[in-house]
Amino acid sequence: MADTNTNNQANVSSAKGVKGGYIFSAPTGTVLPADIKTKLDPAFKCLGFISEDGYVETVDEDSDDLVDLSGDIMDSTNSNRVESAQLTLAEIKAETLKRQYGEKNVTDANGIITVKHNADSHDIFSYVLELVLKNGRRWRKVVPAGKSAELDDLTIASSELCQRALTMKYLTDDQGNTCYDYFESTETIAAA
């Protein structure tokens, strides 16, 4: 494959999770993958299904315009940048509840999961999403440090998923990045 200067339908795609497991989490400091093919460190645990609402990533940036005497914009600077994601972990199990309520607030012993609700619930974990684009192209999203920021309302009803949407804020790593995306290319060939 070579670089092209034309439209390419192979680059247009929706995304799905890899069958069998697509969102994983591990304690910060766990070795992170830096490509698509590297096997995940065993510390990464599968968090199960994500609801049909998917994984919604948001970037909020504030800018300040610098204007001259005439009121014309000379430059615009970014004063604040926050990247976050919202997702609903569909499975009710200890590992997913720990991401929502905090590692120390969830225990699973003698067949009972106990969850304490308190303000000490904003733990930081590393996250990896394993995704598939059209035609089997792989996409891996790596969040080195994601901090649980807030939980949405919980609706308990026979027609609703019994879980809360979680908002996770991406924290900046030692390289100054909040997230890494790795896509299989349609324009270059992988090295042997």
Protein backbone atom coordinates (compact mmCIF):
# COMPACT_ATOMS: atom_id res chain seq x y z
CA MET A 1 0.00 0.00 0.00
CA ALA A 2 1.15 3.48 -0.69
CA ASP A 3 0.16 6.94 0.40
CA THR A 4 -2.72 8.19 -1.70
CA ASN A 5 -4.08 11.58 -2.50
CA THR A 6 -7.66 10.48 -3.16
CA ASN A 7 -10.73 9.56 -1.15
CA ASN A 8 -10.63 6.02 0.23
CA GLN A 9 -13.77 4.25 1.48
CA ALA A 10 -11.58 1.84 3.45
CA ASN A 11 -10.86 4.74 5.82
CA VAL A 12 -14.56 5.34 6.62
CA SER A 13 -15.79 3.20 9.47
CA SER A 14 -17.81 2.74 12.60
CA ALA A 15 -16.23 0.83 15.49
CA LYS A 16 -17.12 -2.16 17.65
CA GLY A 17 -15.49 -3.81 20.61
CA VAL A 18 -13.39 -6.92 20.05
CA LYS A 19 -15.50 -10.03 20.67
CA GLY A 20 -14.85 -11.58 24.07
CA GLY A 21 -13.55 -8.45 25.80
CA TYR A 22 -12.83 -4.89 24.80
CA ILE A 23 -12.30 -2.71 27.87
CA PHE A 24 -9.53 -3.50 30.32
CA SER A 25 -8.17 -1.72 33.37
CA ALA A 26 -5.05 -2.04 35.52
CA PRO A 27 -3.38 -0.15 38.34
CA THR A 28 -1.37 2.86 37.17
CA GLY A 29 2.28 1.96 36.70
CA THR A 30 1.37 -1.24 34.84
CA VAL A 31 3.33 -1.58 31.58
CA LEU A 32 1.20 -0.04 28.82
CA PRO A 33 1.09 -1.31 25.25
CA ALA A 34 2.60 1.06 22.65
CA ASP A 35 1.08 -0.61 19.58
CA ILE A 36 -1.86 -2.78 18.52
CA LYS A 37 -0.32 -6.23 18.73
CA THR A 38 1.50 -6.33 22.07
CA LYS A 39 -0.25 -8.65 24.51
CA LEU A 40 -1.68 -6.83 27.52
CA ASP A 41 0.07 -7.18 30.86
CA PRO A 42 -1.79 -9.74 33.04
CA ALA A 43 -2.59 -6.92 35.50
CA PHE A 44 -5.20 -5.67 32.99
CA LYS A 45 -8.62 -7.03 33.96
CA CYS A 46 -11.62 -7.16 31.63
CA LEU A 47 -14.38 -4.83 32.80
CA GLY A 48 -17.04 -6.61 30.72
CA PHE A 49 -19.68 -5.15 28.48
CA ILE A 50 -20.22 -1.44 27.78
CA SER A 51 -23.85 -0.44 27.17
CA GLU A 52 -25.19 0.36 23.70
CA ASP A 53 -24.52 4.07 24.36
CA GLY A 54 -20.86 3.22 23.74
CA TYR A 55 -17.70 5.00 24.82
CA VAL A 56 -18.14 8.77 24.38
CA GLU A 57 -14.88 10.72 24.43
CA THR A 58 -14.96 14.50 24.93
CA VAL A 59 -12.32 17.23 24.67
CA ASP A 60 -13.19 20.54 26.33
CA GLU A 61 -10.85 23.44 25.60
CA ASP A 62 -11.08 27.05 26.68
CA SER A 63 -9.46 29.67 24.52
CA ASP A 64 -8.56 33.27 25.17
CA ASP A 65 -8.47 35.65 22.25
CA LEU A 66 -5.74 38.28 22.23
CA VAL A 67 -7.00 41.38 20.46
CA ASP A 68 -5.25 44.51 19.33
CA LEU A 69 -6.24 48.14 19.77
CA SER A 70 -8.70 47.86 16.85
CA GLY A 71 -10.40 44.79 18.29
CA ASP A 72 -8.91 42.41 15.72
CA ILE A 73 -7.81 38.98 16.91
CA MET A 74 -4.01 38.72 16.87
CA ASP A 75 -3.81 35.26 18.42
CA SER A 76 -5.85 32.76 20.38
CA THR A 77 -4.39 30.74 23.24
CA ASN A 78 -5.66 27.63 24.97
CA SER A 79 -5.94 28.21 28.70
CA ASN A 80 -7.53 24.94 29.76
CA ARG A 81 -7.91 21.47 28.22
CA VAL A 82 -9.81 18.54 29.74
CA GLU A 83 -10.26 15.20 27.99
CA SER A 84 -12.75 12.72 29.37
CA ALA A 85 -14.92 9.75 28.48
CA GLN A 86 -18.37 8.63 29.51
CA LEU A 87 -19.36 4.98 29.48
CA THR A 88 -21.71 2.62 31.22
CA LEU A 89 -20.05 -0.57 32.40
CA ALA A 90 -22.97 -2.99 32.01
CA GLU A 91 -21.84 -5.85 34.23
CA ILE A 92 -22.43 -5.79 37.96
CA LYS A 93 -19.25 -7.34 39.35
CA ALA A 94 -16.53 -6.31 41.79
CA GLU A 95 -14.06 -5.08 39.16
CA THR A 96 -16.55 -2.69 37.51
CA LEU A 97 -17.93 -1.49 40.84
CA LYS A 98 -14.38 -0.65 41.98
CA ARG A 99 -14.01 1.71 39.00
CA GLN A 100 -17.24 3.44 40.01
CA TYR A 101 -17.03 3.51 43.81
CA GLY A 102 -13.31 3.14 44.53
CA GLU A 103 -10.99 0.18 45.06
CA LYS A 104 -11.17 0.34 48.88
CA ASN A 105 -14.97 0.67 48.89
CA VAL A 106 -15.73 -2.66 47.19
CA THR A 107 -15.17 -6.12 48.61
CA ASP A 108 -16.13 -9.51 47.22
CA ALA A 109 -16.05 -12.20 49.91
CA ASN A 110 -18.10 -15.27 50.76
CA GLY A 111 -20.36 -14.81 47.75
CA ILE A 112 -21.35 -11.21 48.55
CA ILE A 113 -20.14 -8.00 46.92
CA THR A 114 -20.29 -5.10 49.36
CA VAL A 115 -20.12 -1.51 48.09
CA LYS A 116 -19.61 1.52 50.36
CA HIS A 117 -20.82 4.85 48.98
CA ASN A 118 -18.64 7.77 50.09
CA ALA A 119 -16.47 10.61 48.78
CA ASP A 120 -13.36 8.38 48.59
CA SER A 121 -14.34 6.92 45.22
CA HIS A 122 -12.16 8.70 42.67
CA ASP A 123 -9.38 6.21 42.01
CA ILE A 124 -6.93 6.40 39.09
CA PHE A 125 -6.42 3.41 36.77
CA SER A 126 -4.95 2.76 33.33
CA TYR A 127 -7.42 1.72 30.64
CA VAL A 128 -7.16 -0.04 27.27
CA LEU A 129 -9.95 -0.38 24.71
CA GLU A 130 -9.66 -3.06 22.03
CA LEU A 131 -11.72 -2.01 19.00
CA VAL A 132 -12.39 -3.18 15.46
CA LEU A 133 -13.06 -0.94 12.48
CA LYS A 134 -14.61 -2.02 9.19
CA ASN A 135 -12.79 -4.79 7.28
CA GLY A 136 -11.24 -6.08 10.52
CA ARG A 137 -8.86 -3.12 11.02
CA ARG A 138 -7.76 -2.95 14.65
CA TRP A 139 -7.79 0.11 16.89
CA ARG A 140 -6.35 0.23 20.38
CA LYS A 141 -7.03 3.18 22.70
CA VAL A 142 -4.72 3.52 25.72
CA VAL A 143 -5.50 5.87 28.61
CA PRO A 144 -2.44 5.88 30.92
CA ALA A 145 -4.30 7.50 33.83
CA GLY A 146 -8.08 7.74 33.97
CA LYS A 147 -9.69 9.12 37.12
CA SER A 148 -13.29 8.33 38.00
CA ALA A 149 -14.88 11.77 38.11
CA GLU A 150 -18.64 11.32 38.50
CA LEU A 151 -21.50 8.87 38.29
CA ASP A 152 -24.86 9.51 36.65
CA ASP A 153 -28.22 8.63 38.12
CA LEU A 154 -29.13 5.00 38.73
CA THR A 155 -32.57 4.01 37.50
CA ILE A 156 -33.90 0.76 38.92
CA ALA A 157 -36.65 -0.51 36.62
CA SER A 158 -37.46 -3.71 34.75
CA SER A 159 -36.93 -1.99 31.39
CA GLU A 160 -33.61 -0.27 32.20
CA LEU A 161 -30.01 -1.41 32.46
CA CYS A 162 -29.24 -1.48 36.18
CA GLN A 163 -26.00 0.53 36.07
CA ARG A 164 -24.73 4.10 36.19
CA ALA A 165 -22.86 5.98 33.49
CA LEU A 166 -19.31 6.76 34.63
CA THR A 167 -17.39 9.86 33.60
CA MET A 168 -13.64 9.34 33.62
CA LYS A 169 -11.20 12.23 33.25
CA TYR A 170 -7.91 11.59 31.46
CA LEU A 171 -4.89 12.79 33.43
CA THR A 172 -1.68 13.92 31.71
CA ASP A 173 1.16 11.38 31.70
CA ASP A 174 4.90 12.11 32.02
CA GLN A 175 5.07 12.67 28.24
CA GLY A 176 2.38 15.38 28.40
CA ASN A 177 -0.29 13.17 26.76
CA THR A 178 -3.72 12.11 28.00
CA CYS A 179 -4.43 9.27 25.56
CA TYR A 180 -2.82 7.22 22.80
CA ASP A 181 -4.66 5.80 19.77
CA TYR A 182 -3.13 3.07 17.61
CA PHE A 183 -4.83 2.25 14.28
CA GLU A 184 -3.94 -0.32 11.64
CA SER A 185 -3.11 1.73 8.55
CA THR A 186 -4.66 1.37 5.11
CA GLU A 187 -1.75 3.27 3.57
CA THR A 188 1.43 1.72 4.91
CA ILE A 189 2.50 -1.89 5.52
CA ALA A 190 3.56 -3.11 8.94
CA ALA A 191 7.25 -3.91 9.35
CA ALA A 192 8.06 -7.61 9.34
